[in-house]
Amino acid sequence: MLDIVEYNTKRQLVKINPDKSELLTLGCKHLIHVEVTLDGAPIATVTSVKHLGIDRTANNTADPDVRIKIAQP
């Protein structure tokens, strides 16, 4: 799948920075270490990531109270 992303971003002259990219595996019962590369550079594998102010974990859950708090002005 990353090969498709890499191909299309190069075609559209877009560059994804692998240093700013992280890999979060979702729904895996066992943690398997796989080295993933983008344009030849490795992407860091993480156990949680913050996206739009919400912390995501490998089991793809987010605290509903936190989500409500973020949505309120």
N, C-alpha and C. Protein backbone atom coordinates (compact mmCIF):
# COMPACT_ATOMS: atom_id res chain seq x y z
N MET A 1 0.82 -1.18 0.00
CA MET A 1 0.00 0.00 0.00
C MET A 1 0.87 1.26 0.00
N LEU A 2 1.97 1.22 0.74
CA LEU A 2 2.86 2.38 0.75
C LEU A 2 3.52 2.60 -0.60
N ASP A 3 3.71 1.52 -1.35
CA ASP A 3 4.26 1.67 -2.70
C ASP A 3 3.32 2.48 -3.58
N ILE A 4 2.01 2.27 -3.42
CA ILE A 4 1.02 3.02 -4.19
C ILE A 4 1.05 4.49 -3.77
N VAL A 5 1.12 4.74 -2.47
CA VAL A 5 1.19 6.12 -1.97
C VAL A 5 2.45 6.79 -2.51
N GLU A 6 3.56 6.10 -2.43
CA GLU A 6 4.84 6.65 -2.90
C GLU A 6 4.78 6.96 -4.39
N TYR A 7 4.24 6.05 -5.18
CA TYR A 7 4.15 6.25 -6.62
C TYR A 7 3.29 7.47 -6.95
N ASN A 8 2.11 7.56 -6.34
CA ASN A 8 1.20 8.66 -6.67
C ASN A 8 1.68 10.01 -6.15
N THR A 9 2.35 10.04 -5.00
CA THR A 9 2.86 11.32 -4.52
C THR A 9 4.01 11.81 -5.41
N LYS A 10 4.83 10.90 -5.89
CA LYS A 10 5.89 11.30 -6.81
C LYS A 10 5.30 11.82 -8.12
N ARG A 11 4.24 11.18 -8.57
CA ARG A 11 3.58 11.59 -9.80
C ARG A 11 2.98 12.99 -9.67
N GLN A 12 2.48 13.32 -8.49
CA GLN A 12 1.87 14.62 -8.25
C GLN A 12 2.87 15.63 -7.68
N LEU A 13 4.16 15.26 -7.63
CA LEU A 13 5.24 16.10 -7.12
C LEU A 13 5.02 16.50 -5.67
N VAL A 14 4.54 15.56 -4.87
CA VAL A 14 4.35 15.75 -3.43
C VAL A 14 5.37 14.89 -2.72
N LYS A 15 5.98 15.42 -1.68
CA LYS A 15 6.97 14.64 -0.92
C LYS A 15 6.48 14.44 0.50
N ILE A 16 6.44 13.19 0.94
CA ILE A 16 6.09 12.85 2.31
C ILE A 16 7.39 12.67 3.07
N ASN A 17 7.51 13.35 4.20
CA ASN A 17 8.72 13.29 5.00
C ASN A 17 8.67 12.06 5.91
N PRO A 18 9.51 11.05 5.67
CA PRO A 18 9.49 9.85 6.52
C PRO A 18 9.91 10.13 7.96
N ASP A 19 10.67 11.21 8.20
CA ASP A 19 11.07 11.57 9.56
C ASP A 19 9.88 12.06 10.38
N LYS A 20 8.87 12.59 9.71
CA LYS A 20 7.67 13.09 10.39
C LYS A 20 6.51 12.09 10.33
N SER A 21 6.76 10.92 9.76
CA SER A 21 5.73 9.90 9.62
C SER A 21 5.92 8.82 10.67
N GLU A 22 4.80 8.25 11.13
CA GLU A 22 4.84 7.17 12.12
C GLU A 22 3.89 6.07 11.69
N LEU A 23 4.21 4.85 12.08
CA LEU A 23 3.40 3.69 11.76
C LEU A 23 2.73 3.19 13.03
N LEU A 24 1.42 3.14 13.03
CA LEU A 24 0.64 2.61 14.15
C LEU A 24 -0.17 1.45 13.60
N THR A 25 0.10 0.25 14.08
CA THR A 25 -0.64 -0.91 13.60
C THR A 25 -1.92 -1.03 14.41
N LEU A 26 -3.03 -1.21 13.73
CA LEU A 26 -4.33 -1.29 14.37
C LEU A 26 -4.87 -2.72 14.32
N GLY A 27 -5.44 -3.15 15.42
CA GLY A 27 -6.11 -4.44 15.46
C GLY A 27 -5.19 -5.65 15.47
N CYS A 28 -3.93 -5.49 15.76
CA CYS A 28 -3.01 -6.63 15.81
C CYS A 28 -3.01 -7.23 17.22
N LYS A 29 -3.20 -8.54 17.30
CA LYS A 29 -3.19 -9.20 18.60
C LYS A 29 -1.77 -9.33 19.15
N HIS A 30 -0.82 -9.52 18.26
CA HIS A 30 0.57 -9.67 18.67
C HIS A 30 1.39 -8.56 18.03
N LEU A 31 2.25 -7.97 18.81
CA LEU A 31 3.11 -6.91 18.30
C LEU A 31 4.22 -7.55 17.46
N ILE A 32 4.19 -7.26 16.18
CA ILE A 32 5.18 -7.80 15.25
C ILE A 32 6.00 -6.62 14.74
N HIS A 33 7.31 -6.73 14.88
CA HIS A 33 8.17 -5.64 14.41
C HIS A 33 8.47 -5.86 12.93
N VAL A 34 8.01 -4.93 12.12
CA VAL A 34 8.26 -4.97 10.69
C VAL A 34 8.85 -3.62 10.31
N GLU A 35 9.96 -3.64 9.60
CA GLU A 35 10.56 -2.39 9.18
C GLU A 35 9.87 -1.92 7.90
N VAL A 36 9.27 -0.75 7.99
CA VAL A 36 8.56 -0.17 6.86
C VAL A 36 9.35 1.03 6.38
N THR A 37 9.51 1.14 5.07
CA THR A 37 10.26 2.26 4.52
C THR A 37 9.40 3.05 3.55
N LEU A 38 9.71 4.31 3.46
CA LEU A 38 9.07 5.19 2.50
C LEU A 38 10.18 5.94 1.79
N ASP A 39 10.27 5.73 0.50
CA ASP A 39 11.34 6.32 -0.31
C ASP A 39 12.72 5.94 0.21
N GLY A 40 12.83 4.70 0.72
CA GLY A 40 14.09 4.18 1.19
C GLY A 40 14.45 4.52 2.62
N ALA A 41 13.68 5.37 3.27
CA ALA A 41 13.96 5.76 4.66
C ALA A 41 12.97 5.04 5.59
N PRO A 42 13.46 4.55 6.73
CA PRO A 42 12.56 3.82 7.63
C PRO A 42 11.55 4.74 8.31
N ILE A 43 10.36 4.19 8.58
CA ILE A 43 9.31 4.90 9.30
C ILE A 43 9.25 4.31 10.70
N ALA A 44 9.18 5.16 11.71
CA ALA A 44 9.16 4.72 13.10
C ALA A 44 7.84 4.01 13.41
N THR A 45 7.93 2.89 14.13
CA THR A 45 6.76 2.17 14.60
C THR A 45 6.46 2.63 16.03
N VAL A 46 5.21 3.04 16.29
CA VAL A 46 4.83 3.57 17.60
C VAL A 46 3.64 2.79 18.16
N THR A 47 3.42 2.93 19.46
CA THR A 47 2.28 2.27 20.10
C THR A 47 1.09 3.20 20.27
N SER A 48 1.32 4.50 20.18
CA SER A 48 0.22 5.48 20.22
C SER A 48 0.64 6.70 19.41
N VAL A 49 -0.36 7.40 18.92
CA VAL A 49 -0.10 8.58 18.11
C VAL A 49 -1.19 9.61 18.38
N LYS A 50 -0.84 10.89 18.33
CA LYS A 50 -1.82 11.95 18.53
C LYS A 50 -2.22 12.48 17.16
N HIS A 51 -3.53 12.45 16.89
CA HIS A 51 -4.07 12.93 15.62
C HIS A 51 -5.23 13.86 15.91
N LEU A 52 -5.12 15.10 15.47
CA LEU A 52 -6.14 16.12 15.71
C LEU A 52 -6.46 16.26 17.19
N GLY A 53 -5.43 16.16 18.03
CA GLY A 53 -5.59 16.34 19.46
C GLY A 53 -6.09 15.13 20.22
N ILE A 54 -6.29 14.01 19.53
CA ILE A 54 -6.80 12.80 20.17
C ILE A 54 -5.72 11.73 20.14
N ASP A 55 -5.40 11.17 21.31
CA ASP A 55 -4.43 10.09 21.37
C ASP A 55 -5.07 8.80 20.89
N ARG A 56 -4.44 8.16 19.91
CA ARG A 56 -4.92 6.87 19.39
C ARG A 56 -3.93 5.79 19.80
N THR A 57 -4.45 4.61 20.11
CA THR A 57 -3.61 3.48 20.47
C THR A 57 -3.83 2.35 19.47
N ALA A 58 -3.09 1.27 19.63
CA ALA A 58 -3.17 0.15 18.69
C ALA A 58 -4.54 -0.51 18.68
N ASN A 59 -5.31 -0.42 19.78
CA ASN A 59 -6.64 -1.02 19.77
C ASN A 59 -7.69 -0.03 19.25
N ASN A 60 -7.25 1.13 18.73
CA ASN A 60 -8.09 2.12 18.06
C ASN A 60 -9.23 2.63 18.94
N THR A 61 -8.91 2.93 20.18
CA THR A 61 -9.91 3.51 21.07
C THR A 61 -9.49 4.92 21.46
N ALA A 62 -10.48 5.72 21.76
CA ALA A 62 -10.23 7.08 22.23
C ALA A 62 -11.22 7.36 23.35
N ASP A 63 -10.76 8.07 24.37
CA ASP A 63 -11.61 8.39 25.51
C ASP A 63 -12.72 9.35 25.06
N PRO A 64 -14.00 8.97 25.19
CA PRO A 64 -15.09 9.84 24.72
C PRO A 64 -15.11 11.20 25.41
N ASP A 65 -14.76 11.26 26.68
CA ASP A 65 -14.74 12.54 27.39
C ASP A 65 -13.72 13.50 26.78
N VAL A 66 -12.58 12.97 26.39
CA VAL A 66 -11.55 13.79 25.76
C VAL A 66 -12.04 14.29 24.41
N ARG A 67 -12.69 13.43 23.65
CA ARG A 67 -13.22 13.83 22.33
C ARG A 67 -14.25 14.94 22.46
N ILE A 68 -15.14 14.83 23.46
CA ILE A 68 -16.15 15.87 23.68
C ILE A 68 -15.51 17.18 24.09
N LYS A 69 -14.50 17.10 24.96
CA LYS A 69 -13.82 18.30 25.43
C LYS A 69 -13.11 19.03 24.29
N ILE A 70 -12.50 18.28 23.39
CA ILE A 70 -11.81 18.87 22.26
C ILE A 70 -12.79 19.55 21.31
N ALA A 71 -13.97 18.98 21.14
CA ALA A 71 -14.96 19.51 20.20
C ALA A 71 -15.62 20.78 20.71
N GLN A 72 -15.61 21.01 22.01
CA GLN A 72 -16.26 22.19 22.57
C GLN A 72 -15.32 23.39 22.45
N PRO A 73 -15.89 24.58 22.10
CA PRO A 73 -15.04 25.78 21.98
C PRO A 73 -14.59 26.33 23.31
